[in-house]
Amino acid sequence: MSNRSSQDEVIDRVIHEPARLMITAHLYVVESADYVFLMQNVGLTWGNLSSHLSKLEDAGYVEITKDFIEKKPHTMVQLTNRGREAFDGYRRQMKALFEDLPEA
């Protein structure tokens, strides 16, 4: 068993929620993505996606940019540096957690 401090074992609840984990994972591998891409790849409704993105934005993990293309609204989302660092930390933490589990 590992001797990590309790601070190291605190899971980032903003990212840990399954829908937000999927959103951040998809955004991690692209420079930016629009709402339609995220809706199709994460399987959320417009309202659910908006709600989860608001939580990620409040945490400083994503930046949302709204523009118009041919008079139609177009919303782009990208991970901020803080969001990228948080996702990297989450991945390391989950990897360490699973590596510390005993074999069954």
PDB file of N, CA and C in Angstrom:
ATOM      1  N   MET A   1       0.850  -1.181   0.000  1.00  0.00           N
ATOM      2  CA  MET A   1       0.000   0.000   0.000  1.00  0.00           C
ATOM      3  C   MET A   1       0.888   1.232   0.000  1.00  0.00           C
ATOM      4  N   SER A   2       0.476   2.249  -0.693  1.00  0.00           N
ATOM      5  CA  SER A   2       1.245   3.476  -0.857  1.00  0.00           C
ATOM      6  C   SER A   2       1.129   4.349   0.385  1.00  0.00           C
ATOM      7  N   ASN A   3       2.138   5.200   0.603  1.00  0.00           N
ATOM      8  CA  ASN A   3       2.124   6.129   1.725  1.00  0.00           C
ATOM      9  C   ASN A   3       1.813   7.548   1.270  1.00  0.00           C
ATOM     10  N   ARG A   4       0.997   7.714   0.260  1.00  0.00           N
ATOM     11  CA  ARG A   4       0.638   9.055  -0.219  1.00  0.00           C
ATOM     12  C   ARG A   4      -0.133   9.800   0.852  1.00  0.00           C
ATOM     13  N   SER A   5       0.030  11.109   0.869  1.00  0.00           N
ATOM     14  CA  SER A   5      -0.718  11.930   1.819  1.00  0.00           C
ATOM     15  C   SER A   5      -2.175  12.013   1.391  1.00  0.00           C
ATOM     16  N   SER A   6      -3.039  12.423   2.316  1.00  0.00           N
ATOM     17  CA  SER A   6      -4.452  12.540   1.987  1.00  0.00           C
ATOM     18  C   SER A   6      -4.669  13.595   0.905  1.00  0.00           C
ATOM     19  N   GLN A   7      -3.792  14.603   0.810  1.00  0.00           N
ATOM     20  CA  GLN A   7      -3.907  15.616  -0.235  1.00  0.00           C
ATOM     21  C   GLN A   7      -3.748  14.971  -1.610  1.00  0.00           C
ATOM     22  N   ASP A   8      -2.822  14.022  -1.748  1.00  0.00           N
ATOM     23  CA  ASP A   8      -2.607  13.336  -3.026  1.00  0.00           C
ATOM     24  C   ASP A   8      -3.799  12.472  -3.408  1.00  0.00           C
ATOM     25  N   GLU A   9      -4.582  12.048  -2.451  1.00  0.00           N
ATOM     26  CA  GLU A   9      -5.680  11.140  -2.717  1.00  0.00           C
ATOM     27  C   GLU A   9      -6.992  11.862  -2.997  1.00  0.00           C
ATOM     28  N   VAL A  10      -7.010  13.187  -2.935  1.00  0.00           N
ATOM     29  CA  VAL A  10      -8.216  13.951  -3.215  1.00  0.00           C
ATOM     30  C   VAL A  10      -8.467  13.922  -4.721  1.00  0.00           C
ATOM     31  N   ILE A  11      -9.605  13.387  -5.101  1.00  0.00           N
ATOM     32  CA  ILE A  11      -9.959  13.278  -6.514  1.00  0.00           C
ATOM     33  C   ILE A  11     -10.620  14.568  -6.965  1.00  0.00           C
ATOM     34  N   ASP A  12     -10.220  15.063  -8.125  1.00  0.00           N
ATOM     35  CA  ASP A  12     -10.814  16.268  -8.700  1.00  0.00           C
ATOM     36  C   ASP A  12     -12.240  15.925  -9.114  1.00  0.00           C
ATOM     37  N   ARG A  13     -13.213  16.312  -8.296  1.00  0.00           N
ATOM     38  CA  ARG A  13     -14.620  15.973  -8.529  1.00  0.00           C
ATOM     39  C   ARG A  13     -15.185  16.645  -9.778  1.00  0.00           C
ATOM     40  N   VAL A  14     -14.604  17.770 -10.177  1.00  0.00           N
ATOM     41  CA  VAL A  14     -15.089  18.440 -11.382  1.00  0.00           C
ATOM     42  C   VAL A  14     -14.836  17.542 -12.589  1.00  0.00           C
ATOM     43  N   ILE A  15     -13.657  16.977 -12.689  1.00  0.00           N
ATOM     44  CA  ILE A  15     -13.322  16.104 -13.817  1.00  0.00           C
ATOM     45  C   ILE A  15     -13.883  14.699 -13.618  1.00  0.00           C
ATOM     46  N   HIS A  16     -13.923  14.224 -12.391  1.00  0.00           N
ATOM     47  CA  HIS A  16     -14.277  12.831 -12.106  1.00  0.00           C
ATOM     48  C   HIS A  16     -15.699  12.450 -12.524  1.00  0.00           C
ATOM     49  N   GLU A  17     -16.619  13.391 -12.562  1.00  0.00           N
ATOM     50  CA  GLU A  17     -17.999  13.097 -12.972  1.00  0.00           C
ATOM     51  C   GLU A  17     -17.952  12.559 -14.403  1.00  0.00           C
ATOM     52  N   PRO A  18     -18.607  11.417 -14.685  1.00  0.00           N
ATOM     53  CA  PRO A  18     -18.442  10.737 -15.977  1.00  0.00           C
ATOM     54  C   PRO A  18     -18.627  11.606 -17.225  1.00  0.00           C
ATOM     55  N   ALA A  19     -19.646  12.431 -17.268  1.00  0.00           N
ATOM     56  CA  ALA A  19     -19.862  13.261 -18.466  1.00  0.00           C
ATOM     57  C   ALA A  19     -18.728  14.271 -18.635  1.00  0.00           C
ATOM     58  N   ARG A  20     -18.295  14.884 -17.532  1.00  0.00           N
ATOM     59  CA  ARG A  20     -17.209  15.864 -17.624  1.00  0.00           C
ATOM     60  C   ARG A  20     -15.881  15.185 -17.925  1.00  0.00           C
ATOM     61  N   LEU A  21     -15.697  13.965 -17.450  1.00  0.00           N
ATOM     62  CA  LEU A  21     -14.496  13.213 -17.797  1.00  0.00           C
ATOM     63  C   LEU A  21     -14.449  12.965 -19.300  1.00  0.00           C
ATOM     64  N   MET A  22     -15.569  12.589 -19.882  1.00  0.00           N
ATOM     65  CA  MET A  22     -15.621  12.363 -21.334  1.00  0.00           C
ATOM     66  C   MET A  22     -15.371  13.666 -22.098  1.00  0.00           C
ATOM     67  N   ILE A  23     -15.947  14.757 -21.635  1.00  0.00           N
ATOM     68  CA  ILE A  23     -15.736  16.049 -22.294  1.00  0.00           C
ATOM     69  C   ILE A  23     -14.266  16.431 -22.253  1.00  0.00           C
ATOM     70  N   THR A  24     -13.651  16.364 -21.071  1.00  0.00           N
ATOM     71  CA  THR A  24     -12.251  16.768 -20.960  1.00  0.00           C
ATOM     72  C   THR A  24     -11.338  15.826 -21.736  1.00  0.00           C
ATOM     73  N   ALA A  25     -11.665  14.544 -21.776  1.00  0.00           N
ATOM     74  CA  ALA A  25     -10.858  13.594 -22.550  1.00  0.00           C
ATOM     75  C   ALA A  25     -10.916  13.923 -24.037  1.00  0.00           C
ATOM     76  N   HIS A  26     -12.085  14.249 -24.545  1.00  0.00           N
ATOM     77  CA  HIS A  26     -12.203  14.615 -25.955  1.00  0.00           C
ATOM     78  C   HIS A  26     -11.483  15.931 -26.251  1.00  0.00           C
ATOM     79  N   LEU A  27     -11.602  16.893 -25.357  1.00  0.00           N
ATOM     80  CA  LEU A  27     -10.943  18.179 -25.582  1.00  0.00           C
ATOM     81  C   LEU A  27      -9.428  18.087 -25.435  1.00  0.00           C
ATOM     82  N   TYR A  28      -8.960  17.108 -24.668  1.00  0.00           N
ATOM     83  CA  TYR A  28      -7.528  16.947 -24.435  1.00  0.00           C
ATOM     84  C   TYR A  28      -6.772  16.639 -25.732  1.00  0.00           C
ATOM     85  N   VAL A  29      -7.415  15.953 -26.641  1.00  0.00           N
ATOM     86  CA  VAL A  29      -6.723  15.497 -27.858  1.00  0.00           C
ATOM     87  C   VAL A  29      -6.963  16.405 -29.067  1.00  0.00           C
ATOM     88  N   VAL A  30      -7.723  17.474 -28.896  1.00  0.00           N
ATOM     89  CA  VAL A  30      -7.953  18.417 -29.993  1.00  0.00           C
ATOM     90  C   VAL A  30      -7.619  19.828 -29.505  1.00  0.00           C
ATOM     91  N   GLU A  31      -7.354  20.715 -30.443  1.00  0.00           N
ATOM     92  CA  GLU A  31      -7.077  22.102 -30.070  1.00  0.00           C
ATOM     93  C   GLU A  31      -8.341  22.768 -29.539  1.00  0.00           C
ATOM     94  N   SER A  32      -9.460  22.529 -30.224  1.00  0.00           N
ATOM     95  CA  SER A  32     -10.758  23.023 -29.790  1.00  0.00           C
ATOM     96  C   SER A  32     -11.832  22.195 -30.488  1.00  0.00           C
ATOM     97  N   ALA A  33     -13.052  22.294 -30.001  1.00  0.00           N
ATOM     98  CA  ALA A  33     -14.166  21.534 -30.586  1.00  0.00           C
ATOM     99  C   ALA A  33     -15.432  22.361 -30.471  1.00  0.00           C
ATOM    100  N   ASP A  34     -16.349  22.143 -31.412  1.00  0.00           N
ATOM    101  CA  ASP A  34     -17.623  22.856 -31.309  1.00  0.00           C
ATOM    102  C   ASP A  34     -18.645  21.989 -30.579  1.00  0.00           C
ATOM    103  N   TYR A  35     -19.770  22.612 -30.226  1.00  0.00           N
ATOM    104  CA  TYR A  35     -20.817  21.930 -29.466  1.00  0.00           C
ATOM    105  C   TYR A  35     -21.312  20.672 -30.170  1.00  0.00           C
ATOM    106  N   VAL A  36     -21.481  20.746 -31.480  1.00  0.00           N
ATOM    107  CA  VAL A  36     -22.020  19.597 -32.224  1.00  0.00           C
ATOM    108  C   VAL A  36     -21.069  18.408 -32.111  1.00  0.00           C
ATOM    109  N   PHE A  37     -19.774  18.654 -32.285  1.00  0.00           N
ATOM    110  CA  PHE A  37     -18.773  17.589 -32.139  1.00  0.00           C
ATOM    111  C   PHE A  37     -18.875  16.956 -30.752  1.00  0.00           C
ATOM    112  N   LEU A  38     -18.906  17.796 -29.719  1.00  0.00           N
ATOM    113  CA  LEU A  38     -18.973  17.271 -28.351  1.00  0.00           C
ATOM    114  C   LEU A  38     -20.267  16.515 -28.095  1.00  0.00           C
ATOM    115  N   MET A  39     -21.391  17.066 -28.561  1.00  0.00           N
ATOM    116  CA  MET A  39     -22.674  16.372 -28.370  1.00  0.00           C
ATOM    117  C   MET A  39     -22.644  14.991 -29.012  1.00  0.00           C
ATOM    118  N   GLN A  40     -22.135  14.901 -30.228  1.00  0.00           N
ATOM    119  CA  GLN A  40     -22.110  13.628 -30.945  1.00  0.00           C
ATOM    120  C   GLN A  40     -21.145  12.634 -30.306  1.00  0.00           C
ATOM    121  N   ASN A  41     -20.019  13.104 -29.804  1.00  0.00           N
ATOM    122  CA  ASN A  41     -19.005  12.206 -29.279  1.00  0.00           C
ATOM    123  C   ASN A  41     -19.180  11.855 -27.807  1.00  0.00           C
ATOM    124  N   VAL A  42     -19.889  12.693 -27.078  1.00  0.00           N
ATOM    125  CA  VAL A  42     -20.083  12.441 -25.653  1.00  0.00           C
ATOM    126  C   VAL A  42     -21.475  11.886 -25.378  1.00  0.00           C
ATOM    127  N   GLY A  43     -22.416  12.127 -26.303  1.00  0.00           N
ATOM    128  CA  GLY A  43     -23.759  11.581 -26.162  1.00  0.00           C
ATOM    129  C   GLY A  43     -24.646  12.337 -25.190  1.00  0.00           C
ATOM    130  N   LEU A  44     -24.421  13.637 -25.064  1.00  0.00           N
ATOM    131  CA  LEU A  44     -25.248  14.457 -24.183  1.00  0.00           C
ATOM    132  C   LEU A  44     -26.202  15.314 -24.998  1.00  0.00           C
ATOM    133  N   THR A  45     -27.301  15.716 -24.374  1.00  0.00           N
ATOM    134  CA  THR A  45     -28.201  16.669 -25.014  1.00  0.00           C
ATOM    135  C   THR A  45     -27.557  18.053 -24.934  1.00  0.00           C
ATOM    136  N   TRP A  46     -28.119  18.981 -25.698  1.00  0.00           N
ATOM    137  CA  TRP A  46     -27.597  20.350 -25.699  1.00  0.00           C
ATOM    138  C   TRP A  46     -27.597  20.924 -24.280  1.00  0.00           C
ATOM    139  N   GLY A  47     -28.693  20.750 -23.568  1.00  0.00           N
ATOM    140  CA  GLY A  47     -28.816  21.288 -22.215  1.00  0.00           C
ATOM    141  C   GLY A  47     -27.851  20.656 -21.229  1.00  0.00           C
ATOM    142  N   ASN A  48     -27.716  19.322 -21.286  1.00  0.00           N
ATOM    143  CA  ASN A  48     -26.774  18.635 -20.394  1.00  0.00           C
ATOM    144  C   ASN A  48     -25.343  19.048 -20.683  1.00  0.00           C
ATOM    145  N   LEU A  49     -24.997  19.122 -21.965  1.00  0.00           N
ATOM    146  CA  LEU A  49     -23.650  19.538 -22.344  1.00  0.00           C
ATOM    147  C   LEU A  49     -23.378  20.942 -21.825  1.00  0.00           C
ATOM    148  N   SER A  50     -24.327  21.830 -22.010  1.00  0.00           N
ATOM    149  CA  SER A  50     -24.180  23.214 -21.552  1.00  0.00           C
ATOM    150  C   SER A  50     -23.963  23.266 -20.039  1.00  0.00           C
ATOM    151  N   SER A  51     -24.728  22.479 -19.294  1.00  0.00           N
ATOM    152  CA  SER A  51     -24.608  22.447 -17.840  1.00  0.00           C
ATOM    153  C   SER A  51     -23.220  21.969 -17.400  1.00  0.00           C
ATOM    154  N   HIS A  52     -22.741  20.889 -18.003  1.00  0.00           N
ATOM    155  CA  HIS A  52     -21.420  20.362 -17.647  1.00  0.00           C
ATOM    156  C   HIS A  52     -20.304  21.312 -18.072  1.00  0.00           C
ATOM    157  N   LEU A  53     -20.453  21.933 -19.235  1.00  0.00           N
ATOM    158  CA  LEU A  53     -19.439  22.892 -19.669  1.00  0.00           C
ATOM    159  C   LEU A  53     -19.401  24.107 -18.753  1.00  0.00           C
ATOM    160  N   SER A  54     -20.543  24.501 -18.220  1.00  0.00           N
ATOM    161  CA  SER A  54     -20.575  25.619 -17.269  1.00  0.00           C
ATOM    162  C   SER A  54     -19.767  25.290 -16.024  1.00  0.00           C
ATOM    163  N   LYS A  55     -19.886  24.073 -15.533  1.00  0.00           N
ATOM    164  CA  LYS A  55     -19.125  23.660 -14.351  1.00  0.00           C
ATOM    165  C   LYS A  55     -17.625  23.643 -14.663  1.00  0.00           C
ATOM    166  N   LEU A  56     -17.261  23.150 -15.850  1.00  0.00           N
ATOM    167  CA  LEU A  56     -15.855  23.144 -16.252  1.00  0.00           C
ATOM    168  C   LEU A  56     -15.335  24.565 -16.437  1.00  0.00           C
ATOM    169  N   GLU A  57     -16.180  25.440 -16.977  1.00  0.00           N
ATOM    170  CA  GLU A  57     -15.785  26.838 -17.172  1.00  0.00           C
ATOM    171  C   GLU A  57     -15.620  27.532 -15.813  1.00  0.00           C
ATOM    172  N   ASP A  58     -16.532  27.287 -14.878  1.00  0.00           N
ATOM    173  CA  ASP A  58     -16.442  27.875 -13.537  1.00  0.00           C
ATOM    174  C   ASP A  58     -15.152  27.459 -12.833  1.00  0.00           C
ATOM    175  N   ALA A  59     -14.682  26.241 -13.100  1.00  0.00           N
ATOM    176  CA  ALA A  59     -13.438  25.746 -12.506  1.00  0.00           C
ATOM    177  C   ALA A  59     -12.206  26.285 -13.230  1.00  0.00           C
ATOM    178  N   GLY A  60     -12.426  26.969 -14.359  1.00  0.00           N
ATOM    179  CA  GLY A  60     -11.305  27.492 -15.134  1.00  0.00           C
ATOM    180  C   GLY A  60     -10.670  26.458 -16.041  1.00  0.00           C
ATOM    181  N   TYR A  61     -11.384  25.350 -16.289  1.00  0.00           N
ATOM    182  CA  TYR A  61     -10.829  24.252 -17.081  1.00  0.00           C
ATOM    183  C   TYR A  61     -11.095  24.383 -18.571  1.00  0.00           C
ATOM    184  N   VAL A  62     -12.143  25.099 -18.967  1.00  0.00           N
ATOM    185  CA  VAL A  62     -12.428  25.285 -20.388  1.00  0.00           C
ATOM    186  C   VAL A  62     -12.692  26.760 -20.671  1.00  0.00           C
ATOM    187  N   GLU A  63     -12.457  27.113 -21.917  1.00  0.00           N
ATOM    188  CA  GLU A  63     -12.796  28.440 -22.421  1.00  0.00           C
ATOM    189  C   GLU A  63     -13.828  28.252 -23.519  1.00  0.00           C
ATOM    190  N   ILE A  64     -14.913  29.001 -23.435  1.00  0.00           N
ATOM    191  CA  ILE A  64     -16.001  28.897 -24.403  1.00  0.00           C
ATOM    192  C   ILE A  64     -16.046  30.190 -25.212  1.00  0.00           C
ATOM    193  N   THR A  65     -16.012  30.041 -26.534  1.00  0.00           N
ATOM    194  CA  THR A  65     -16.033  31.191 -27.442  1.00  0.00           C
ATOM    195  C   THR A  65     -17.258  31.088 -28.325  1.00  0.00           C
ATOM    196  N   LYS A  66     -18.041  32.162 -28.361  1.00  0.00           N
ATOM    197  CA  LYS A  66     -19.262  32.170 -29.175  1.00  0.00           C
ATOM    198  C   LYS A  66     -19.098  33.170 -30.312  1.00  0.00           C
ATOM    199  N   ASP A  67     -19.320  32.689 -31.530  1.00  0.00           N
ATOM    200  CA  ASP A  67     -19.229  33.515 -32.736  1.00  0.00           C
ATOM    201  C   ASP A  67     -20.458  33.245 -33.591  1.00  0.00           C
ATOM    202  N   PHE A  68     -20.505  33.909 -34.718  1.00  0.00           N
ATOM    203  CA  PHE A  68     -21.536  33.653 -35.711  1.00  0.00           C
ATOM    204  C   PHE A  68     -20.869  33.289 -37.026  1.00  0.00           C
ATOM    205  N   ILE A  69     -21.366  32.234 -37.663  1.00  0.00           N
ATOM    206  CA  ILE A  69     -20.923  31.844 -38.996  1.00  0.00           C
ATOM    207  C   ILE A  69     -22.158  31.892 -39.884  1.00  0.00           C
ATOM    208  N   GLU A  70     -22.110  32.766 -40.881  1.00  0.00           N
ATOM    209  CA  GLU A  70     -23.258  32.976 -41.771  1.00  0.00           C
ATOM    210  C   GLU A  70     -24.547  33.202 -40.970  1.00  0.00           C
ATOM    211  N   LYS A  71     -24.464  34.093 -40.014  1.00  0.00           N
ATOM    212  CA  LYS A  71     -25.588  34.500 -39.160  1.00  0.00           C
ATOM    213  C   LYS A  71     -26.131  33.407 -38.252  1.00  0.00           C
ATOM    214  N   LYS A  72     -25.392  32.301 -38.121  1.00  0.00           N
ATOM    215  CA  LYS A  72     -25.792  31.222 -37.220  1.00  0.00           C
ATOM    216  C   LYS A  72     -24.802  31.166 -36.063  1.00  0.00           C
ATOM    217  N   PRO A  73     -25.313  30.989 -34.832  1.00  0.00           N
ATOM    218  CA  PRO A  73     -24.403  30.908 -33.684  1.00  0.00           C
ATOM    219  C   PRO A  73     -23.501  29.680 -33.781  1.00  0.00           C
ATOM    220  N   HIS A  74     -22.252  29.871 -33.393  1.00  0.00           N
ATOM    221  CA  HIS A  74     -21.263  28.792 -33.431  1.00  0.00           C
ATOM    222  C   HIS A  74     -20.445  28.886 -32.151  1.00  0.00           C
ATOM    223  N   THR A  75     -20.488  27.840 -31.337  1.00  0.00           N
ATOM    224  CA  THR A  75     -19.811  27.841 -30.043  1.00  0.00           C
ATOM    225  C   THR A  75     -18.646  26.861 -30.070  1.00  0.00           C
ATOM    226  N   MET A  76     -17.461  27.359 -29.725  1.00  0.00           N
ATOM    227  CA  MET A  76     -16.254  26.536 -29.664  1.00  0.00           C
ATOM    228  C   MET A  76     -15.803  26.414 -28.206  1.00  0.00           C
ATOM    229  N   VAL A  77     -15.216  25.264 -27.895  1.00  0.00           N
ATOM    230  CA  VAL A  77     -14.751  24.985 -26.543  1.00  0.00           C
ATOM    231  C   VAL A  77     -13.323  24.472 -26.627  1.00  0.00           C
ATOM    232  N   GLN A  78     -12.484  24.924 -25.704  1.00  0.00           N
ATOM    233  CA  GLN A  78     -11.128  24.376 -25.630  1.00  0.00           C
ATOM    234  C   GLN A  78     -10.693  24.301 -24.174  1.00  0.00           C
ATOM    235  N   LEU A  79      -9.789  23.368 -23.901  1.00  0.00           N
ATOM    236  CA  LEU A  79      -9.224  23.277 -22.558  1.00  0.00           C
ATOM    237  C   LEU A  79      -8.292  24.458 -22.344  1.00  0.00           C
ATOM    238  N   THR A  80      -8.321  25.020 -21.162  1.00  0.00           N
ATOM    239  CA  THR A  80      -7.349  26.039 -20.782  1.00  0.00           C
ATOM    240  C   THR A  80      -6.076  25.323 -20.323  1.00  0.00           C
ATOM    241  N   ASN A  81      -5.016  26.064 -20.106  1.00  0.00           N
ATOM    242  CA  ASN A  81      -3.801  25.449 -19.555  1.00  0.00           C
ATOM    243  C   ASN A  81      -4.095  24.808 -18.208  1.00  0.00           C
ATOM    244  N   ARG A  82      -4.896  25.494 -17.407  1.00  0.00           N
ATOM    245  CA  ARG A  82      -5.287  24.947 -16.094  1.00  0.00           C
ATOM    246  C   ARG A  82      -6.063  23.637 -16.263  1.00  0.00           C
ATOM    247  N   GLY A  83      -6.981  23.590 -17.242  1.00  0.00           N
ATOM    248  CA  GLY A  83      -7.754  22.384 -17.499  1.00  0.00           C
ATOM    249  C   GLY A  83      -6.888  21.235 -17.982  1.00  0.00           C
ATOM    250  N   ARG A  84      -5.924  21.546 -18.839  1.00  0.00           N
ATOM    251  CA  ARG A  84      -4.997  20.532 -19.351  1.00  0.00           C
ATOM    252  C   ARG A  84      -4.160  19.966 -18.197  1.00  0.00           C
ATOM    253  N   GLU A  85      -3.673  20.849 -17.324  1.00  0.00           N
ATOM    254  CA  GLU A  85      -2.886  20.409 -16.161  1.00  0.00           C
ATOM    255  C   GLU A  85      -3.743  19.573 -15.210  1.00  0.00           C
ATOM    256  N   ALA A  86      -4.996  19.990 -15.003  1.00  0.00           N
ATOM    257  CA  ALA A  86      -5.893  19.242 -14.118  1.00  0.00           C
ATOM    258  C   ALA A  86      -6.169  17.849 -14.688  1.00  0.00           C
ATOM    259  N   PHE A  87      -6.367  17.766 -16.005  1.00  0.00           N
ATOM    260  CA  PHE A  87      -6.627  16.468 -16.626  1.00  0.00           C
ATOM    261  C   PHE A  87      -5.384  15.574 -16.534  1.00  0.00           C
ATOM    262  N   ASP A  88      -4.202  16.149 -16.771  1.00  0.00           N
ATOM    263  CA  ASP A  88      -2.959  15.382 -16.618  1.00  0.00           C
ATOM    264  C   ASP A  88      -2.829  14.843 -15.199  1.00  0.00           C
ATOM    265  N   GLY A  89      -3.110  15.691 -14.211  1.00  0.00           N
ATOM    266  CA  GLY A  89      -3.034  15.265 -12.813  1.00  0.00           C
ATOM    267  C   GLY A  89      -4.042  14.176 -12.501  1.00  0.00           C
ATOM    268  N   TYR A  90      -5.245  14.312 -13.033  1.00  0.00           N
ATOM    269  CA  TYR A  90      -6.289  13.311 -12.826  1.00  0.00           C
ATOM    270  C   TYR A  90      -5.850  11.965 -13.409  1.00  0.00           C
ATOM    271  N   ARG A  91      -5.307  11.995 -14.620  1.00  0.00           N
ATOM    272  CA  ARG A  91      -4.836  10.751 -15.262  1.00  0.00           C
ATOM    273  C   ARG A  91      -3.750  10.079 -14.432  1.00  0.00           C
ATOM    274  N   ARG A  92      -2.782  10.867 -13.961  1.00  0.00           N
ATOM    275  CA  ARG A  92      -1.701  10.300 -13.133  1.00  0.00           C
ATOM    276  C   ARG A  92      -2.263   9.700 -11.855  1.00  0.00           C
ATOM    277  N   GLN A  93      -3.203  10.407 -11.254  1.00  0.00           N
ATOM    278  CA  GLN A  93      -3.797   9.948 -10.001  1.00  0.00           C
ATOM    279  C   GLN A  93      -4.559   8.635 -10.192  1.00  0.00           C
ATOM    280  N   MET A  94      -5.346   8.542 -11.259  1.00  0.00           N
ATOM    281  CA  MET A  94      -6.104   7.320 -11.517  1.00  0.00           C
ATOM    282  C   MET A  94      -5.165   6.156 -11.831  1.00  0.00           C
ATOM    283  N   LYS A  95      -4.122   6.435 -12.597  1.00  0.00           N
ATOM    284  CA  LYS A  95      -3.144   5.393 -12.923  1.00  0.00           C
ATOM    285  C   LYS A  95      -2.488   4.866 -11.646  1.00  0.00           C
ATOM    286  N   ALA A  96      -2.073   5.776 -10.769  1.00  0.00           N
ATOM    287  CA  ALA A  96      -1.445   5.370  -9.512  1.00  0.00           C
ATOM    288  C   ALA A  96      -2.427   4.602  -8.634  1.00  0.00           C
ATOM    289  N   LEU A  97      -3.677   5.036  -8.601  1.00  0.00           N
ATOM    290  CA  LEU A  97      -4.693   4.362  -7.796  1.00  0.00           C
ATOM    291  C   LEU A  97      -4.849   2.912  -8.240  1.00  0.00           C
ATOM    292  N   PHE A  98      -4.948   2.710  -9.541  1.00  0.00           N
ATOM    293  CA  PHE A  98      -5.138   1.346 -10.059  1.00  0.00           C
ATOM    294  C   PHE A  98      -3.878   0.504  -9.924  1.00  0.00           C
ATOM    295  N   GLU A  99      -2.711   1.126 -10.054  1.00  0.00           N
ATOM    296  CA  GLU A  99      -1.465   0.373  -9.889  1.00  0.00           C
ATOM    297  C   GLU A  99      -1.284  -0.099  -8.459  1.00  0.00           C
ATOM    298  N   ASP A 100      -1.848   0.640  -7.495  1.00  0.00           N
ATOM    299  CA  ASP A 100      -1.713   0.281  -6.073  1.00  0.00           C
ATOM    300  C   ASP A 100      -2.667  -0.841  -5.641  1.00  0.00           C
ATOM    301  N   LEU A 101      -3.636  -1.177  -6.491  1.00  0.00           N
ATOM    302  CA  LEU A 101      -4.569  -2.235  -6.127  1.00  0.00           C
ATOM    303  C   LEU A 101      -3.880  -3.599  -6.176  1.00  0.00           C
ATOM    304  N   PRO A 102      -4.149  -4.440  -5.196  1.00  0.00           N
ATOM    305  CA  PRO A 102      -3.556  -5.789  -5.223  1.00  0.00           C
ATOM    306  C   PRO A 102      -4.185  -6.627  -6.324  1.00  0.00           C
ATOM    307  N   GLU A 103      -3.416  -7.584  -6.810  1.00  0.00           N
ATOM    308  CA  GLU A 103      -3.943  -8.525  -7.825  1.00  0.00           C
ATOM    309  C   GLU A 103      -5.035  -9.365  -7.185  1.00  0.00           C
ATOM    310  N   ALA A 104      -6.056  -9.688  -7.957  1.00  0.00           N
ATOM    311  CA  ALA A 104      -7.175 -10.490  -7.448  1.00  0.00           C
ATOM    312  C   ALA A 104      -6.841 -11.957  -7.445  1.00  0.00           C
TER     313      ALA A 104
END
